[in-house]
Structures are given as C-alpha cells and as structure tokens.
C-alpha cells in the first residue's frame, strides 16, 4: 500500500509483510512535536519498519535536518507507542542518508499544514534540480486568505525548516515550510 501520492523514488511505503506493516502503522501514528497536526508518516521521516529475526520491532526515521531537535522526542514517542502496543524489544534508528526532502511529504500532510496555517512547500527539490540556471523563488501563497502577495520576513521561522512570511493582503504573518 502506498502511503503517499508522491512519485519521488525515495518516498517510503508501508511494508507489505503483515508484522512489518503493523509496526509501521503504530509508528505512523506518532505526531511531530513541533507541528502536532502532522504524523511522522505525513512528513516522510518514517522510512522503514520491520520485525527482526529475534522479534525486535525496528523503525527507521530520518530527520528533516541533521540537527533537528525534535528527533529525540520523536524517537521516544515511537518507542512508547510500540511499548503500548505490546512490543518489548524495540529499536528506533536514525539515518541521515539519503537526506530528507520535502518531496517525501504526503499530499495529505501538505493539506494538513495549510489547514494549520503553515504554507506547505511548493515545487520540488529532486536531485539535480539545483543544477543549471539559477532557480527563481515562486510566490508563497498565504494559507489564510490565499493571496500570493506575500513577503519573506526571515529565512528562519519558528523552526529551522520554516521561513517567516507576511501576507500583503490580510497582513497576517505565517510560517512557510521550506522546500529542501
């Protein structure tokens, strides 16, 4: 079962094997502590889940940034969710390669961001897309009124994965989840 409508080749998918799928489904309920309307599956940081030959429930996660301060909390939340579901032996691993990209976010996740008041990433960051001519920044649509008349106030917003924008129409500030 494909958990995402995204076609990026590195997008993780729910495992087909029943015991691995159960571990995935449990881990996929864990919410991001910085954006509580998104699960780690919505974000695309849930990379894999399986049960080892010794019965250990194993989950692999990738941070949005290598220094993301939320990863310890996410790891603890995944472990707690699996313990609550009856798993005793649990291993949650953090992998940095391949590096996370906003291309791994689900369309559901992007919609949840917008409904929460954060402009979702626009465009894609597929490997090689930064080569060639200079990339132009596209307008960021205001998640409140829909206007594209917005201005970046700060390259970094409430977290390093977001930028702070303000809408020229409704005058409201908002976070934009940066493409990377």
C-alpha atoms as a PDB file:
ATOM      1  CA  UNK A   1       0.000   0.000   0.000  1.00  0.00           C
ATOM      2  CA  UNK A   2       1.415   3.363  -0.973  1.00  0.00           C
ATOM      3  CA  UNK A   3       1.131   5.839   1.912  1.00  0.00           C
ATOM      4  CA  UNK A   4       1.842   8.771  -0.389  1.00  0.00           C
ATOM      5  CA  UNK A   5       0.711  10.036  -3.754  1.00  0.00           C
ATOM      6  CA  UNK A   6       4.217  11.368  -4.256  1.00  0.00           C
ATOM      7  CA  UNK A   7       6.276   9.827  -7.064  1.00  0.00           C
ATOM      8  CA  UNK A   8       9.746  10.694  -5.722  1.00  0.00           C
ATOM      9  CA  UNK A   9      11.823   7.483  -5.937  1.00  0.00           C
ATOM     10  CA  UNK A  10      12.941   7.610  -2.280  1.00  0.00           C
ATOM     11  CA  UNK A  11       9.468   8.018  -0.778  1.00  0.00           C
ATOM     12  CA  UNK A  12       8.967   5.311   1.838  1.00  0.00           C
ATOM     13  CA  UNK A  13       5.998   2.990   1.610  1.00  0.00           C
ATOM     14  CA  UNK A  14       4.122   0.902   4.132  1.00  0.00           C
ATOM     15  CA  UNK A  15       5.647  -2.594   4.150  1.00  0.00           C
ATOM     16  CA  UNK A  16       3.614  -5.406   2.601  1.00  0.00           C
ATOM     17  CA  UNK A  17       4.550  -8.024   5.211  1.00  0.00           C
ATOM     18  CA  UNK A  18       1.880  -8.132   7.961  1.00  0.00           C
ATOM     19  CA  UNK A  19       4.161  -7.934  11.027  1.00  0.00           C
ATOM     20  CA  UNK A  20       6.218  -5.112   9.497  1.00  0.00           C
ATOM     21  CA  UNK A  21       3.049  -3.294   8.411  1.00  0.00           C
ATOM     22  CA  UNK A  22       1.748  -3.440  12.000  1.00  0.00           C
ATOM     23  CA  UNK A  23       4.962  -1.841  13.309  1.00  0.00           C
ATOM     24  CA  UNK A  24       4.747   0.805  10.540  1.00  0.00           C
ATOM     25  CA  UNK A  25       1.095   1.548  11.330  1.00  0.00           C
ATOM     26  CA  UNK A  26       1.881   2.063  15.018  1.00  0.00           C
ATOM     27  CA  UNK A  27       4.893   4.289  14.293  1.00  0.00           C
ATOM     28  CA  UNK A  28       2.894   6.208  11.676  1.00  0.00           C
ATOM     29  CA  UNK A  29       0.530   7.485  14.394  1.00  0.00           C
ATOM     30  CA  UNK A  30       3.317   9.433  16.122  1.00  0.00           C
ATOM     31  CA  UNK A  31       2.937  13.177  15.620  1.00  0.00           C
ATOM     32  CA  UNK A  32       5.712  15.672  15.044  1.00  0.00           C
ATOM     33  CA  UNK A  33       6.174  17.567  18.343  1.00  0.00           C
ATOM     34  CA  UNK A  34       6.776  20.860  16.509  1.00  0.00           C
ATOM     35  CA  UNK A  35       3.791  20.533  14.149  1.00  0.00           C
ATOM     36  CA  UNK A  36       1.311  18.319  16.031  1.00  0.00           C
ATOM     37  CA  UNK A  37      -1.156  18.059  13.130  1.00  0.00           C
ATOM     38  CA  UNK A  38       1.426  16.066  11.135  1.00  0.00           C
ATOM     39  CA  UNK A  39       2.435  12.491  11.741  1.00  0.00           C
ATOM     40  CA  UNK A  40       5.927  11.287  11.010  1.00  0.00           C
ATOM     41  CA  UNK A  41       4.416   9.421   8.048  1.00  0.00           C
ATOM     42  CA  UNK A  42       2.865  12.668   6.731  1.00  0.00           C
ATOM     43  CA  UNK A  43       6.297  14.305   6.943  1.00  0.00           C
ATOM     44  CA  UNK A  44       8.007  11.389   5.235  1.00  0.00           C
ATOM     45  CA  UNK A  45      10.524  10.928   8.037  1.00  0.00           C
ATOM     46  CA  UNK A  46       9.215   7.424   8.765  1.00  0.00           C
ATOM     47  CA  UNK A  47      11.485   5.466   6.437  1.00  0.00           C
ATOM     48  CA  UNK A  48      11.008   1.781   7.258  1.00  0.00           C
ATOM     49  CA  UNK A  49       9.603  -0.639   9.796  1.00  0.00           C
ATOM     50  CA  UNK A  50      10.126  -4.339  10.267  1.00  0.00           C
ATOM     51  CA  UNK A  51      10.406  -7.095  12.839  1.00  0.00           C
ATOM     52  CA  UNK A  52      13.867  -8.627  13.192  1.00  0.00           C
ATOM     53  CA  UNK A  53      14.501 -12.366  13.329  1.00  0.00           C
ATOM     54  CA  UNK A  54      14.764 -12.039  17.134  1.00  0.00           C
ATOM     55  CA  UNK A  55      11.319 -10.380  17.337  1.00  0.00           C
ATOM     56  CA  UNK A  56      12.618  -6.829  17.799  1.00  0.00           C
ATOM     57  CA  UNK A  57      10.307  -4.163  16.386  1.00  0.00           C
ATOM     58  CA  UNK A  58      12.558  -1.910  14.344  1.00  0.00           C
ATOM     59  CA  UNK A  59      11.755   1.537  12.962  1.00  0.00           C
ATOM     60  CA  UNK A  60      13.971   3.765  10.848  1.00  0.00           C
ATOM     61  CA  UNK A  61      13.469   7.526  10.841  1.00  0.00           C
ATOM     62  CA  UNK A  62      15.260  10.388   9.056  1.00  0.00           C
ATOM     63  CA  UNK A  63      15.377  13.952  10.416  1.00  0.00           C
ATOM     64  CA  UNK A  64      14.224  16.878   8.330  1.00  0.00           C
ATOM     65  CA  UNK A  65      17.567  18.485   9.242  1.00  0.00           C
ATOM     66  CA  UNK A  66      20.624  16.715  10.634  1.00  0.00           C
ATOM     67  CA  UNK A  67      20.404  18.823  13.792  1.00  0.00           C
ATOM     68  CA  UNK A  68      16.629  18.638  14.221  1.00  0.00           C
ATOM     69  CA  UNK A  69      15.950  18.975  17.970  1.00  0.00           C
ATOM     70  CA  UNK A  70      12.663  17.077  17.701  1.00  0.00           C
ATOM     71  CA  UNK A  71      14.263  13.730  16.795  1.00  0.00           C
ATOM     72  CA  UNK A  72      14.885  12.621  20.389  1.00  0.00           C
ATOM     73  CA  UNK A  73      11.255  13.285  21.241  1.00  0.00           C
ATOM     74  CA  UNK A  74      10.056  11.517  18.084  1.00  0.00           C
ATOM     75  CA  UNK A  75      12.257   8.506  18.851  1.00  0.00           C
ATOM     76  CA  UNK A  76      10.910   8.326  22.431  1.00  0.00           C
ATOM     77  CA  UNK A  77       7.318   8.695  21.184  1.00  0.00           C
ATOM     78  CA  UNK A  78       7.786   5.866  18.649  1.00  0.00           C
ATOM     79  CA  UNK A  79       9.259   3.649  21.368  1.00  0.00           C
ATOM     80  CA  UNK A  80       6.378   4.455  23.730  1.00  0.00           C
ATOM     81  CA  UNK A  81       3.765   3.788  21.039  1.00  0.00           C
ATOM     82  CA  UNK A  82       5.294   0.399  20.302  1.00  0.00           C
ATOM     83  CA  UNK A  83       5.537  -0.465  24.034  1.00  0.00           C
ATOM     84  CA  UNK A  84       1.889   0.468  24.488  1.00  0.00           C
ATOM     85  CA  UNK A  85       1.037  -1.849  21.581  1.00  0.00           C
ATOM     86  CA  UNK A  86       2.777  -4.734  23.362  1.00  0.00           C
ATOM     87  CA  UNK A  87       6.260  -4.747  21.864  1.00  0.00           C
ATOM     88  CA  UNK A  88       9.009  -5.302  24.431  1.00  0.00           C
ATOM     89  CA  UNK A  89      12.122  -5.266  22.262  1.00  0.00           C
ATOM     90  CA  UNK A  90      12.276  -2.048  20.250  1.00  0.00           C
ATOM     91  CA  UNK A  91      14.959  -0.383  18.190  1.00  0.00           C
ATOM     92  CA  UNK A  92      14.477   3.033  16.597  1.00  0.00           C
ATOM     93  CA  UNK A  93      17.335   4.041  14.303  1.00  0.00           C
ATOM     94  CA  UNK A  94      18.119   7.462  12.922  1.00  0.00           C
ATOM     95  CA  UNK A  95      19.540   7.521   9.386  1.00  0.00           C
ATOM     96  CA  UNK A  96      20.887  10.561   7.581  1.00  0.00           C
ATOM     97  CA  UNK A  97      21.255   9.111   4.092  1.00  0.00           C
ATOM     98  CA  UNK A  98      19.517   9.663   1.851  1.00  0.00           C
ATOM     99  CA  UNK A  99      18.868  13.117   3.234  1.00  0.00           C
ATOM    100  CA  UNK A 100      15.222  14.001   3.842  1.00  0.00           C
ATOM    101  CA  UNK A 101      13.493  16.169   1.278  1.00  0.00           C
ATOM    102  CA  UNK A 102      10.101  17.874   1.246  1.00  0.00           C
ATOM    103  CA  UNK A 103       9.385  15.668  -1.784  1.00  0.00           C
ATOM    104  CA  UNK A 104       8.767  12.882   0.758  1.00  0.00           C
ATOM    105  CA  UNK A 105       5.846  14.711   2.376  1.00  0.00           C
ATOM    106  CA  UNK A 106       2.434  13.278   1.595  1.00  0.00           C
ATOM    107  CA  UNK A 107      -0.217  15.362  -0.133  1.00  0.00           C
ATOM    108  CA  UNK A 108      -2.353  14.791   2.990  1.00  0.00           C
ATOM    109  CA  UNK A 109       0.459  16.242   5.082  1.00  0.00           C
ATOM    110  CA  UNK A 110       0.730  19.313   2.874  1.00  0.00           C
ATOM    111  CA  UNK A 111      -3.025  19.859   3.158  1.00  0.00           C
ATOM    112  CA  UNK A 112      -2.845  19.489   6.953  1.00  0.00           C
ATOM    113  CA  UNK A 113      -0.060  22.099   7.050  1.00  0.00           C
ATOM    114  CA  UNK A 114      -2.164  24.578   5.121  1.00  0.00           C
ATOM    115  CA  UNK A 115      -5.226  23.969   7.310  1.00  0.00           C
ATOM    116  CA  UNK A 116      -2.997  24.521  10.363  1.00  0.00           C
ATOM    117  CA  UNK A 117      -1.871  27.897   8.985  1.00  0.00           C
ATOM    118  CA  UNK A 118       1.558  26.924   7.613  1.00  0.00           C
ATOM    119  CA  UNK A 119       2.132  27.330   3.898  1.00  0.00           C
ATOM    120  CA  UNK A 120       3.225  23.923   2.548  1.00  0.00           C
ATOM    121  CA  UNK A 121       6.357  23.572   0.441  1.00  0.00           C
ATOM    122  CA  UNK A 122       5.835  24.483  -3.186  1.00  0.00           C
ATOM    123  CA  UNK A 123       7.792  22.937  -6.014  1.00  0.00           C
ATOM    124  CA  UNK A 124      10.152  20.030  -5.553  1.00  0.00           C
ATOM    125  CA  UNK A 125      13.735  19.510  -4.578  1.00  0.00           C
ATOM    126  CA  UNK A 126      14.512  16.421  -6.637  1.00  0.00           C
ATOM    127  CA  UNK A 127      18.182  15.568  -7.006  1.00  0.00           C
ATOM    128  CA  UNK A 128      19.693  17.609  -9.798  1.00  0.00           C
ATOM    129  CA  UNK A 129      17.023  20.302  -9.746  1.00  0.00           C
ATOM    130  CA  UNK A 130      19.564  22.820  -8.446  1.00  0.00           C
ATOM    131  CA  UNK A 131      21.833  22.386 -11.482  1.00  0.00           C
ATOM    132  CA  UNK A 132      21.780  24.667 -14.476  1.00  0.00           C
ATOM    133  CA  UNK A 133      20.215  28.117 -14.476  1.00  0.00           C
ATOM    134  CA  UNK A 134      19.543  29.903 -11.219  1.00  0.00           C
ATOM    135  CA  UNK A 135      16.272  28.802  -9.693  1.00  0.00           C
ATOM    136  CA  UNK A 136      13.735  31.536  -9.112  1.00  0.00           C
ATOM    137  CA  UNK A 137      11.694  31.585  -5.963  1.00  0.00           C
ATOM    138  CA  UNK A 138       7.995  31.076  -6.591  1.00  0.00           C
ATOM    139  CA  UNK A 139       5.400  33.104  -4.771  1.00  0.00           C
ATOM    140  CA  UNK A 140       4.294  31.625  -1.476  1.00  0.00           C
ATOM    141  CA  UNK A 141       0.515  31.523  -1.131  1.00  0.00           C
ATOM    142  CA  UNK A 142      -0.948  32.763   2.148  1.00  0.00           C
ATOM    143  CA  UNK A 143      -2.606  29.843   3.975  1.00  0.00           C
ATOM    144  CA  UNK A 144      -5.184  32.211   5.469  1.00  0.00           C
ATOM    145  CA  UNK A 145      -6.523  34.261   2.555  1.00  0.00           C
ATOM    146  CA  UNK A 146      -4.908  32.568  -0.462  1.00  0.00           C
ATOM    147  CA  UNK A 147      -3.111  35.657  -1.748  1.00  0.00           C
ATOM    148  CA  UNK A 148       0.242  35.282  -3.493  1.00  0.00           C
ATOM    149  CA  UNK A 149       1.201  38.805  -2.464  1.00  0.00           C
ATOM    150  CA  UNK A 150       3.492  37.694   0.327  1.00  0.00           C
ATOM    151  CA  UNK A 151       6.935  38.700   1.559  1.00  0.00           C
ATOM    152  CA  UNK A 152       9.626  36.745   3.349  1.00  0.00           C
ATOM    153  CA  UNK A 153      10.380  38.404   6.687  1.00  0.00           C
ATOM    154  CA  UNK A 154      13.013  35.932   7.849  1.00  0.00           C
ATOM    155  CA  UNK A 155      14.635  32.903   6.216  1.00  0.00           C
ATOM    156  CA  UNK A 156      14.107  31.078   9.507  1.00  0.00           C
ATOM    157  CA  UNK A 157      10.755  30.907  11.254  1.00  0.00           C
ATOM    158  CA  UNK A 158       9.669  29.130  14.408  1.00  0.00           C
ATOM    159  CA  UNK A 159      11.910  26.193  13.430  1.00  0.00           C
ATOM    160  CA  UNK A 160      14.823  25.940  11.008  1.00  0.00           C
ATOM    161  CA  UNK A 161      12.710  24.061   8.445  1.00  0.00           C
ATOM    162  CA  UNK A 162      10.333  27.015   8.125  1.00  0.00           C
ATOM    163  CA  UNK A 163      10.637  30.620   6.934  1.00  0.00           C
ATOM    164  CA  UNK A 164       8.575  33.521   8.278  1.00  0.00           C
ATOM    165  CA  UNK A 165       6.358  35.304   5.744  1.00  0.00           C
ATOM    166  CA  UNK A 166       3.738  38.030   5.881  1.00  0.00           C
ATOM    167  CA  UNK A 167       0.766  38.457   3.590  1.00  0.00           C
ATOM    168  CA  UNK A 168       0.444  41.894   1.981  1.00  0.00           C
ATOM    169  CA  UNK A 169      -3.342  41.408   1.620  1.00  0.00           C
ATOM    170  CA  UNK A 170      -4.519  40.213   5.049  1.00  0.00           C
ATOM    171  CA  UNK A 171      -1.350  41.437   6.832  1.00  0.00           C
ATOM    172  CA  UNK A 172      -1.065  38.164   8.777  1.00  0.00           C
ATOM    173  CA  UNK A 173       2.341  36.601   9.420  1.00  0.00           C
ATOM    174  CA  UNK A 174       2.679  32.866   8.705  1.00  0.00           C
ATOM    175  CA  UNK A 175       5.259  30.112   8.527  1.00  0.00           C
ATOM    176  CA  UNK A 176       6.248  28.576   5.207  1.00  0.00           C
ATOM    177  CA  UNK A 177       7.639  25.038   5.230  1.00  0.00           C
ATOM    178  CA  UNK A 178      10.716  25.484   3.031  1.00  0.00           C
ATOM    179  CA  UNK A 179      11.475  23.223   0.073  1.00  0.00           C
ATOM    180  CA  UNK A 180      14.607  21.186   0.616  1.00  0.00           C
END
